[in-house]
Structure formats: C-alpha cells, structure tokens
C-alpha atoms as a PDB file:
ATOM      1  CA  MET A   1      13.518  88.590  81.754  1.00  0.00           C
ATOM      2  CA  ASN A   2      11.106  86.160  82.213  1.00  0.00           C
ATOM      3  CA  THR A   3      10.446  82.401  81.982  1.00  0.00           C
ATOM      4  CA  LYS A   4       9.005  82.400  78.410  1.00  0.00           C
ATOM      5  CA  ASP A   5      11.677  84.724  77.269  1.00  0.00           C
ATOM      6  CA  THR A   6      14.214  82.325  78.911  1.00  0.00           C
ATOM      7  CA  GLU A   7      12.375  79.124  77.083  1.00  0.00           C
ATOM      8  CA  LYS A   8      12.420  80.835  73.822  1.00  0.00           C
ATOM      9  CA  THR A   9      15.795  81.741  73.846  1.00  0.00           C
ATOM     10  CA  ASP A  10      16.679  78.275  74.671  1.00  0.00           C
ATOM     11  CA  GLY A  11      14.979  76.921  71.478  1.00  0.00           C
ATOM     12  CA  THR A  12      12.645  74.251  73.638  1.00  0.00           C
ATOM     13  CA  THR A  13       9.410  73.204  73.008  1.00  0.00           C
ATOM     14  CA  ALA A  14       5.937  72.983  74.836  1.00  0.00           C
ATOM     15  CA  THR A  15       6.775  69.087  75.520  1.00  0.00           C
ATOM     16  CA  GLY A  16      10.448  69.812  77.040  1.00  0.00           C
ATOM     17  CA  GLN A  17      12.415  69.077  73.936  1.00  0.00           C
ATOM     18  CA  THR A  18      14.923  71.145  71.698  1.00  0.00           C
ATOM     19  CA  VAL A  19      14.076  71.706  67.677  1.00  0.00           C
ATOM     20  CA  GLU A  20      17.366  69.839  67.236  1.00  0.00           C
ATOM     21  CA  GLU A  21      16.293  66.888  69.168  1.00  0.00           C
ATOM     22  CA  ALA A  22      12.703  66.896  67.661  1.00  0.00           C
ATOM     23  CA  VAL A  23      13.997  66.665  64.320  1.00  0.00           C
ATOM     24  CA  PRO A  24      16.166  63.830  64.351  1.00  0.00           C
ATOM     25  CA  ALA A  25      13.237  61.936  66.432  1.00  0.00           C
ATOM     26  CA  ALA A  26      11.191  62.593  63.177  1.00  0.00           C
ATOM     27  CA  SER A  27      13.732  61.678  60.761  1.00  0.00           C
ATOM     28  CA  ALA A  28      14.010  58.745  62.631  1.00  0.00           C
ATOM     29  CA  GLU A  29      10.435  58.063  62.736  1.00  0.00           C
ATOM     30  CA  GLU A  30      10.271  58.366  58.679  1.00  0.00           C
ATOM     31  CA  SER A  31      13.541  56.315  58.365  1.00  0.00           C
ATOM     32  CA  ASN A  32      11.950  53.354  60.455  1.00  0.00           C
ATOM     33  CA  GLY A  33       8.426  53.795  58.067  1.00  0.00           C
ATOM     34  CA  SER A  34      10.692  53.717  54.818  1.00  0.00           C
ATOM     35  CA  ASN A  35      12.469  50.669  56.461  1.00  0.00           C
ATOM     36  CA  ARG A  36       9.122  48.820  57.037  1.00  0.00           C
ATOM     37  CA  GLU A  37       8.133  49.794  53.141  1.00  0.00           C
ATOM     38  CA  THR A  38      11.507  48.612  51.844  1.00  0.00           C
ATOM     39  CA  GLY A  39      11.200  44.997  54.246  1.00  0.00           C
ATOM     40  CA  ALA A  40       7.635  44.600  52.724  1.00  0.00           C
ATOM     41  CA  ASP A  41       8.561  45.218  49.144  1.00  0.00           C
ATOM     42  CA  ALA A  42      11.424  43.076  49.759  1.00  0.00           C
ATOM     43  CA  GLN A  43       9.745  40.306  51.096  1.00  0.00           C
ATOM     44  CA  ASP A  44       7.132  40.529  48.097  1.00  0.00           C
ATOM     45  CA  GLY A  45       9.992  40.406  45.687  1.00  0.00           C
ATOM     46  CA  ARG A  46      11.103  37.209  47.153  1.00  0.00           C
ATOM     47  CA  GLU A  47       7.740  35.634  47.203  1.00  0.00           C
ATOM     48  CA  ALA A  48       7.373  36.591  43.499  1.00  0.00           C
ATOM     49  CA  HIS A  49      10.944  35.137  42.501  1.00  0.00           C
ATOM     50  CA  SER A  50      10.029  31.911  44.912  1.00  0.00           C
ATOM     51  CA  ASP A  51       6.705  31.735  42.565  1.00  0.00           C
ATOM     52  CA  ASP A  52       8.863  32.400  39.496  1.00  0.00           C
ATOM     53  CA  ASP A  53      11.350  29.796  40.619  1.00  0.00           C
ATOM     54  CA  VAL A  54       8.731  27.002  41.201  1.00  0.00           C
ATOM     55  CA  SER A  55       7.083  27.809  37.922  1.00  0.00           C
ATOM     56  CA  ALA A  56      10.582  27.230  36.620  1.00  0.00           C
ATOM     57  CA  ALA A  57      11.094  24.358  38.323  1.00  0.00           C
ATOM     58  CA  ALA A  58       7.778  22.860  37.272  1.00  0.00           C
ATOM     59  CA  THR A  59       8.450  23.767  33.241  1.00  0.00           C
ATOM     60  CA  PRO A  60      11.188  21.215  33.058  1.00  0.00           C
ATOM     61  CA  THR A  61       9.428  18.284  35.114  1.00  0.00           C
ATOM     62  CA  ALA A  62       6.377  18.560  32.803  1.00  0.00           C
ATOM     63  CA  GLU A  63       8.897  18.582  29.293  1.00  0.00           C
ATOM     64  CA  THR A  64      10.433  15.432  31.269  1.00  0.00           C
ATOM     65  CA  ASP A  65       7.250  13.535  31.636  1.00  0.00           C
ATOM     66  CA  ALA A  66       6.376  14.518  27.915  1.00  0.00           C
ATOM     67  CA  ALA A  67       9.550  13.032  26.941  1.00  0.00           C
ATOM     68  CA  ASP A  68       9.174  10.112  28.808  1.00  0.00           C
ATOM     69  CA  ALA A  69       5.579   9.592  27.423  1.00  0.00           C
ATOM     70  CA  ALA A  70       7.175  10.121  23.993  1.00  0.00           C
ATOM     71  CA  ASP A  71       9.757   7.761  24.281  1.00  0.00           C
ATOM     72  CA  ASP A  72       7.268   4.984  25.682  1.00  0.00           C
ATOM     73  CA  GLU A  73       4.918   5.165  23.061  1.00  0.00           C
ATOM     74  CA  ILE A  74       8.235   4.872  20.576  1.00  0.00           C
ATOM     75  CA  GLU A  75       9.341   1.469  22.464  1.00  0.00           C
ATOM     76  CA  ASP A  76       5.284   0.355  22.092  1.00  0.00           C
ATOM     77  CA  ALA A  77       5.743   0.991  18.313  1.00  0.00           C
ATOM     78  CA  GLU A  78       9.105  -0.455  17.881  1.00  0.00           C
ATOM     79  CA  ALA A  79       7.842  -3.496  20.191  1.00  0.00           C
ATOM     80  CA  GLY A  80       4.628  -4.158  18.270  1.00  0.00           C
ATOM     81  CA  ALA A  81       6.640  -3.534  14.794  1.00  0.00           C
ATOM     82  CA  ALA A  82       9.196  -6.764  15.829  1.00  0.00           C
ATOM     83  CA  ASN A  83       5.910  -8.944  17.312  1.00  0.00           C
ATOM     84  CA  SER A  84       4.287  -8.311  13.455  1.00  0.00           C
ATOM     85  CA  ALA A  85       7.321  -9.377  12.128  1.00  0.00           C
ATOM     86  CA  ARG A  86       8.107 -12.093  13.915  1.00  0.00           C
ATOM     87  CA  SER A  87       4.674 -13.352  13.306  1.00  0.00           C
ATOM     88  CA  SER A  88       4.803 -12.510   9.963  1.00  0.00           C
ATOM     89  CA  GLY A  89       7.849 -14.516   9.643  1.00  0.00           C
ATOM     90  CA  LEU A  90       6.312 -17.368  11.343  1.00  0.00           C
ATOM     91  CA  LEU A  91       3.284 -17.508   8.815  1.00  0.00           C
ATOM     92  CA  SER A  92       5.577 -17.343   5.561  1.00  0.00           C
ATOM     93  CA  ALA A  93       7.930 -20.331   6.893  1.00  0.00           C
ATOM     94  CA  ALA A  94       4.843 -22.718   7.924  1.00  0.00           C
ATOM     95  CA  ALA A  95       3.374 -21.251   4.413  1.00  0.00           C
ATOM     96  CA  GLY A  96       6.455 -22.741   2.556  1.00  0.00           C
ATOM     97  CA  ILE A  97       6.331 -25.955   4.363  1.00  0.00           C
ATOM     98  CA  VAL A  98       2.682 -26.699   3.748  1.00  0.00           C
ATOM     99  CA  ALA A  99       3.488 -25.246   0.254  1.00  0.00           C
ATOM    100  CA  ALA A 100       6.291 -27.939  -0.567  1.00  0.00           C
ATOM    101  CA  GLY A 101       4.034 -30.690   1.391  1.00  0.00           C
ATOM    102  CA  LEU A 102       1.057 -29.979  -1.077  1.00  0.00           C
ATOM    103  CA  GLY A 103       3.220 -29.992  -3.967  1.00  0.00           C
ATOM    104  CA  VAL A 104       4.222 -33.242  -2.866  1.00  0.00           C
ATOM    105  CA  VAL A 105       0.946 -34.456  -2.454  1.00  0.00           C
ATOM    106  CA  GLY A 106       0.251 -33.266  -5.959  1.00  0.00           C
ATOM    107  CA  LEU A 107       2.636 -35.214  -7.625  1.00  0.00           C
ATOM    108  CA  THR A 108       2.609 -38.588  -6.139  1.00  0.00           C
ATOM    109  CA  GLY A 109      -1.284 -38.619  -5.064  1.00  0.00           C
ATOM    110  CA  SER A 110      -3.483 -38.408  -1.600  1.00  0.00           C
ATOM    111  CA  TRP A 111      -5.901 -40.893   0.468  1.00  0.00           C
ATOM    112  CA  THR A 112      -8.493 -38.183  -0.565  1.00  0.00           C
ATOM    113  CA  GLY A 113      -7.707 -39.053  -4.583  1.00  0.00           C
ATOM    114  CA  ARG A 114      -7.676 -42.621  -3.882  1.00  0.00           C
ATOM    115  CA  VAL A 115     -11.280 -42.470  -2.142  1.00  0.00           C
ATOM    116  CA  ALA A 116     -12.385 -40.490  -5.106  1.00  0.00           C
ATOM    117  CA  ALA A 117     -11.330 -42.751  -7.399  1.00  0.00           C
ATOM    118  CA  GLU A 118     -12.718 -46.006  -5.666  1.00  0.00           C
ATOM    119  CA  ARG A 119     -15.989 -44.186  -5.430  1.00  0.00           C
ATOM    120  CA  GLN A 120     -15.903 -43.589  -9.139  1.00  0.00           C
ATOM    121  CA  THR A 121     -15.317 -47.278  -9.938  1.00  0.00           C
ATOM    122  CA  LEU A 122     -18.385 -48.285  -7.767  1.00  0.00           C
ATOM    123  CA  LEU A 123     -20.663 -46.069  -9.196  1.00  0.00           C
ATOM    124  CA  GLY A 124     -19.147 -47.678 -12.798  1.00  0.00           C
ATOM    125  CA  GLN A 125     -20.144 -50.850 -11.389  1.00  0.00           C
ATOM    126  CA  ILE A 126     -23.585 -50.095 -10.495  1.00  0.00           C
ATOM    127  CA  GLU A 127     -24.049 -48.195 -14.150  1.00  0.00           C
ATOM    128  CA  THR A 128     -22.944 -51.504 -15.990  1.00  0.00           C
ATOM    129  CA  SER A 129     -24.307 -54.198 -13.962  1.00  0.00           C
ATOM    130  CA  GLU A 130     -27.525 -54.552 -16.323  1.00  0.00           C
ATOM    131  CA  GLY A 131     -25.325 -54.590 -19.547  1.00  0.00           C
ATOM    132  CA  GLY A 132     -23.284 -52.079 -21.892  1.00  0.00           C
ATOM    133  CA  SER A 133     -20.625 -52.161 -24.268  1.00  0.00           C
ATOM    134  CA  THR A 134     -17.091 -52.650 -23.588  1.00  0.00           C
ATOM    135  CA  ALA A 135     -15.702 -49.532 -24.228  1.00  0.00           C
ATOM    136  CA  GLU A 136     -18.722 -48.144 -21.964  1.00  0.00           C
ATOM    137  CA  ARG A 137     -17.486 -50.474 -19.128  1.00  0.00           C
ATOM    138  CA  ILE A 138     -13.890 -49.570 -19.661  1.00  0.00           C
ATOM    139  CA  SER A 139     -14.779 -45.939 -19.342  1.00  0.00           C
ATOM    140  CA  ALA A 140     -16.851 -46.648 -16.402  1.00  0.00           C
ATOM    141  CA  LEU A 141     -15.093 -48.559 -14.209  1.00  0.00           C
ATOM    142  CA  TYR A 142     -11.281 -47.458 -15.184  1.00  0.00           C
ATOM    143  CA  GLY A 143     -11.676 -44.237 -16.842  1.00  0.00           C
ATOM    144  CA  ASP A 144     -13.735 -42.024 -14.351  1.00  0.00           C
ATOM    145  CA  ALA A 145     -11.639 -43.367 -11.746  1.00  0.00           C
ATOM    146  CA  TRP A 146      -8.278 -42.102 -13.066  1.00  0.00           C
ATOM    147  CA  HIS A 147     -10.009 -38.600 -13.938  1.00  0.00           C
ATOM    148  CA  ALA A 148     -11.214 -38.361 -10.568  1.00  0.00           C
ATOM    149  CA  THR A 149      -7.923 -38.786  -8.934  1.00  0.00           C
ATOM    150  CA  ALA A 150      -6.080 -36.640 -11.746  1.00  0.00           C
ATOM    151  CA  LEU A 151      -8.704 -33.705 -10.419  1.00  0.00           C
ATOM    152  CA  VAL A 152      -8.069 -34.403  -6.814  1.00  0.00           C
ATOM    153  CA  ASN A 153      -4.067 -34.032  -7.950  1.00  0.00           C
ATOM    154  CA  GLY A 154      -4.675 -31.011  -9.623  1.00  0.00           C
ATOM    155  CA  MET A 155      -6.600 -29.433  -6.963  1.00  0.00           C
ATOM    156  CA  PHE A 156      -3.574 -30.315  -4.437  1.00  0.00           C
ATOM    157  CA  ALA A 157      -0.930 -29.109  -6.828  1.00  0.00           C
ATOM    158  CA  LEU A 158      -2.767 -25.754  -7.321  1.00  0.00           C
ATOM    159  CA  VAL A 159      -3.056 -24.717  -4.187  1.00  0.00           C
ATOM    160  CA  ALA A 160       0.584 -25.403  -3.284  1.00  0.00           C
ATOM    161  CA  LEU A 161       1.283 -23.369  -6.659  1.00  0.00           C
ATOM    162  CA  ILE A 162      -0.406 -20.324  -5.355  1.00  0.00           C
ATOM    163  CA  VAL A 163       1.115 -20.718  -1.556  1.00  0.00           C
ATOM    164  CA  GLY A 164       4.418 -21.195  -3.026  1.00  0.00           C
ATOM    165  CA  LEU A 165       4.159 -18.017  -5.192  1.00  0.00           C
ATOM    166  CA  THR A 166       3.027 -15.904  -2.069  1.00  0.00           C
ATOM    167  CA  VAL A 167       5.296 -16.576  -0.219  1.00  0.00           C
ATOM    168  CA  LEU A 168       8.234 -15.587  -2.967  1.00  0.00           C
ATOM    169  CA  THR A 169       6.400 -12.447  -3.290  1.00  0.00           C
ATOM    170  CA  ARG A 170       6.646 -11.498  -0.010  1.00  0.00           C
ATOM    171  CA  PRO A 171      10.234  -9.393   0.681  1.00  0.00           C
ATOM    172  CA  GLY A 172      12.676  -9.211   3.250  1.00  0.00           C
ATOM    173  CA  LYS A 173      11.970 -13.253   4.065  1.00  0.00           C
ATOM    174  CA  PRO A 174      15.313 -15.609   5.029  1.00  0.00           C
ATOM    175  CA  GLY A 175      16.549 -17.538   2.463  1.00  0.00           C
ATOM    176  CA  TRP A 176      15.186 -21.187   3.823  1.00  0.00           C
ATOM    177  CA  VAL A 177      11.886 -19.390   3.365  1.00  0.00           C
ATOM    178  CA  ARG A 178      12.294 -18.592  -0.018  1.00  0.00           C
ATOM    179  CA  ALA A 179      13.323 -21.828  -0.642  1.00  0.00           C
ATOM    180  CA  PHE A 180      10.367 -23.881   0.904  1.00  0.00           C
ATOM    181  CA  GLY A 181       8.247 -21.381  -1.175  1.00  0.00           C
ATOM    182  CA  LEU A 182      10.166 -22.190  -4.509  1.00  0.00           C
ATOM    183  CA  GLY A 183      10.045 -25.832  -4.037  1.00  0.00           C
ATOM    184  CA  GLY A 184       6.342 -25.824  -3.468  1.00  0.00           C
ATOM    185  CA  ALA A 185       5.742 -23.533  -6.138  1.00  0.00           C
ATOM    186  CA  VAL A 186       7.593 -25.966  -8.638  1.00  0.00           C
ATOM    187  CA  LEU A 187       6.255 -28.787  -7.172  1.00  0.00           C
ATOM    188  CA  GLY A 188       2.772 -27.728  -7.425  1.00  0.00           C
ATOM    189  CA  GLY A 189       3.088 -26.433 -10.974  1.00  0.00           C
ATOM    190  CA  LEU A 190       4.234 -29.840 -12.276  1.00  0.00           C
ATOM    191  CA  GLY A 191       1.890 -31.368 -10.506  1.00  0.00           C
ATOM    192  CA  LEU A 192      -0.803 -29.400 -12.192  1.00  0.00           C
ATOM    193  CA  LEU A 193       0.506 -29.990 -15.578  1.00  0.00           C
ATOM    194  CA  ILE A 194       0.448 -33.727 -15.075  1.00  0.00           C
ATOM    195  CA  SER A 195      -2.817 -33.658 -13.590  1.00  0.00           C
ATOM    196  CA  ILE A 196      -4.304 -31.401 -16.460  1.00  0.00           C
ATOM    197  CA  ALA A 197      -2.625 -34.218 -18.959  1.00  0.00           C
ATOM    198  CA  MET A 198      -3.859 -36.950 -17.286  1.00  0.00           C
ATOM    199  CA  TYR A 199      -7.360 -35.549 -16.690  1.00  0.00           C
ATOM    200  CA  PHE A 200      -7.404 -35.278 -20.637  1.00  0.00           C
ATOM    201  CA  ASP A 201      -5.527 -38.170 -21.263  1.00  0.00           C
ATOM    202  CA  LEU A 202      -3.019 -36.783 -22.866  1.00  0.00           C
ATOM    203  CA  ILE A 203      -0.250 -39.018 -21.294  1.00  0.00           C
ATOM    204  CA  LEU A 204      -2.131 -42.418 -21.056  1.00  0.00           C
ATOM    205  CA  SER A 205      -5.022 -43.071 -22.852  1.00  0.00           C
ATOM    206  CA  LEU A 206      -8.163 -45.518 -22.264  1.00  0.00           C
ATOM    207  CA  PRO A 207      -7.333 -48.935 -23.783  1.00  0.00           C
ATOM    208  CA  ALA A 208      -9.770 -49.627 -26.406  1.00  0.00           C
ATOM    209  CA  ALA A 209     -12.007 -52.353 -26.481  1.00  0.00           C
ATOM    210  CA  GLY A 210     -10.667 -55.395 -28.154  1.00  0.00           C
ATOM    211  CA  SER A 211      -7.042 -54.088 -28.227  1.00  0.00           C
END
C-alpha cells in the first residue's frame, strides 16, 4: 500500500486535517456567525426598546406640562374674577354712599341751589328796576328764585334716586352696601317729590299783592 492509499484510508484531507476535525471547525464558524447576527439583533432590539422608553418618558412630561399650563390658566381666571368682584364691590359701596349723600343734598339744598336762587333774584331786580306791578315784582324777586332752588335740588334728588336703585338691583352685595343704596333711593325719592311740589307752588304759594 502506498502513501496515497494510506492518506485516504486514514480519512485525512489535503491540508492535513481529518474529516472529523474539519466538520467541527465549520460548525464553530457557523455558530460564531449566528452569534454575531443574534448579538446584532439583540443590539437593535435594545436600541428600539431604548427609543420606546424615551418616547414613553417624554409623553408623561408633555402631559404634565399641559396640566400645569391648564392649572395656571385656571388660577389666572380665578384671580381675575376675584379682582373683578372686589372692584365691583368697591364701586357699589361708593355708589351707595354717594346716593345717600345726594339724597341729603336734595332734601336740604346745596350751594349750587343757593347761587342759582341769588342769580334769579338779581335778574328780577334788573327786570323790575324800571317799574312793574307788585305781583310782577314778587314773582321776579322771590318766585323765580324759589323755583330755581327747587329745580337744582330736584336734580340732585333724581340722581340720588337713580344711583340708589342701581345699587339695590345689583345682586350679591353686602348688607351695608344695600342699606346705603336704599337710604339714597328713599332720600332721593322724597327730595324729588318735595322739589316738584315747591316748583309748582303746591306746598307754599307766592304771596298775593296786598295780602
């Protein structure tokens, strides 16, 4: 038997490796390739999972920011409503006090009414300086002055009545504010009635000549 037959009988290859040695080597290479592919797939899976985690972490943050913005808007709206209610309460209180004061002025008279009466008296003196009957002099010197005073007082009383009623018709106001509004409306209404009666000589009439 020659050398070639001996090599074939022993099952060796041309490179000096046996068949049993060559097969495990090929299997090892295929296993290493599969492991590398598996490792690459696992790396891709970890990266994808990491991206999902980032997206999942970003979503609650966006929701939290939106919730915070909504809470801020609600707080701003509540603060604006509170400031508006406070301003409205102050205005109503001031209007009630003003109504009561105007009602008192409409009943008792004012500096404006006195000035208007004196002006009418002066005009009456000018008109009757060149003569005239006694009735004309009484009307020009006294009647017109009384009417001017009643007109001015009636204007104050009318404003007091309107402001007082406005305060009373606004809901949700404290009791003391409504009390001032009611007082102003009552005084204004009473002053308006008296002024109308004085203007048309229903309470006190002008004295007649020779009486």
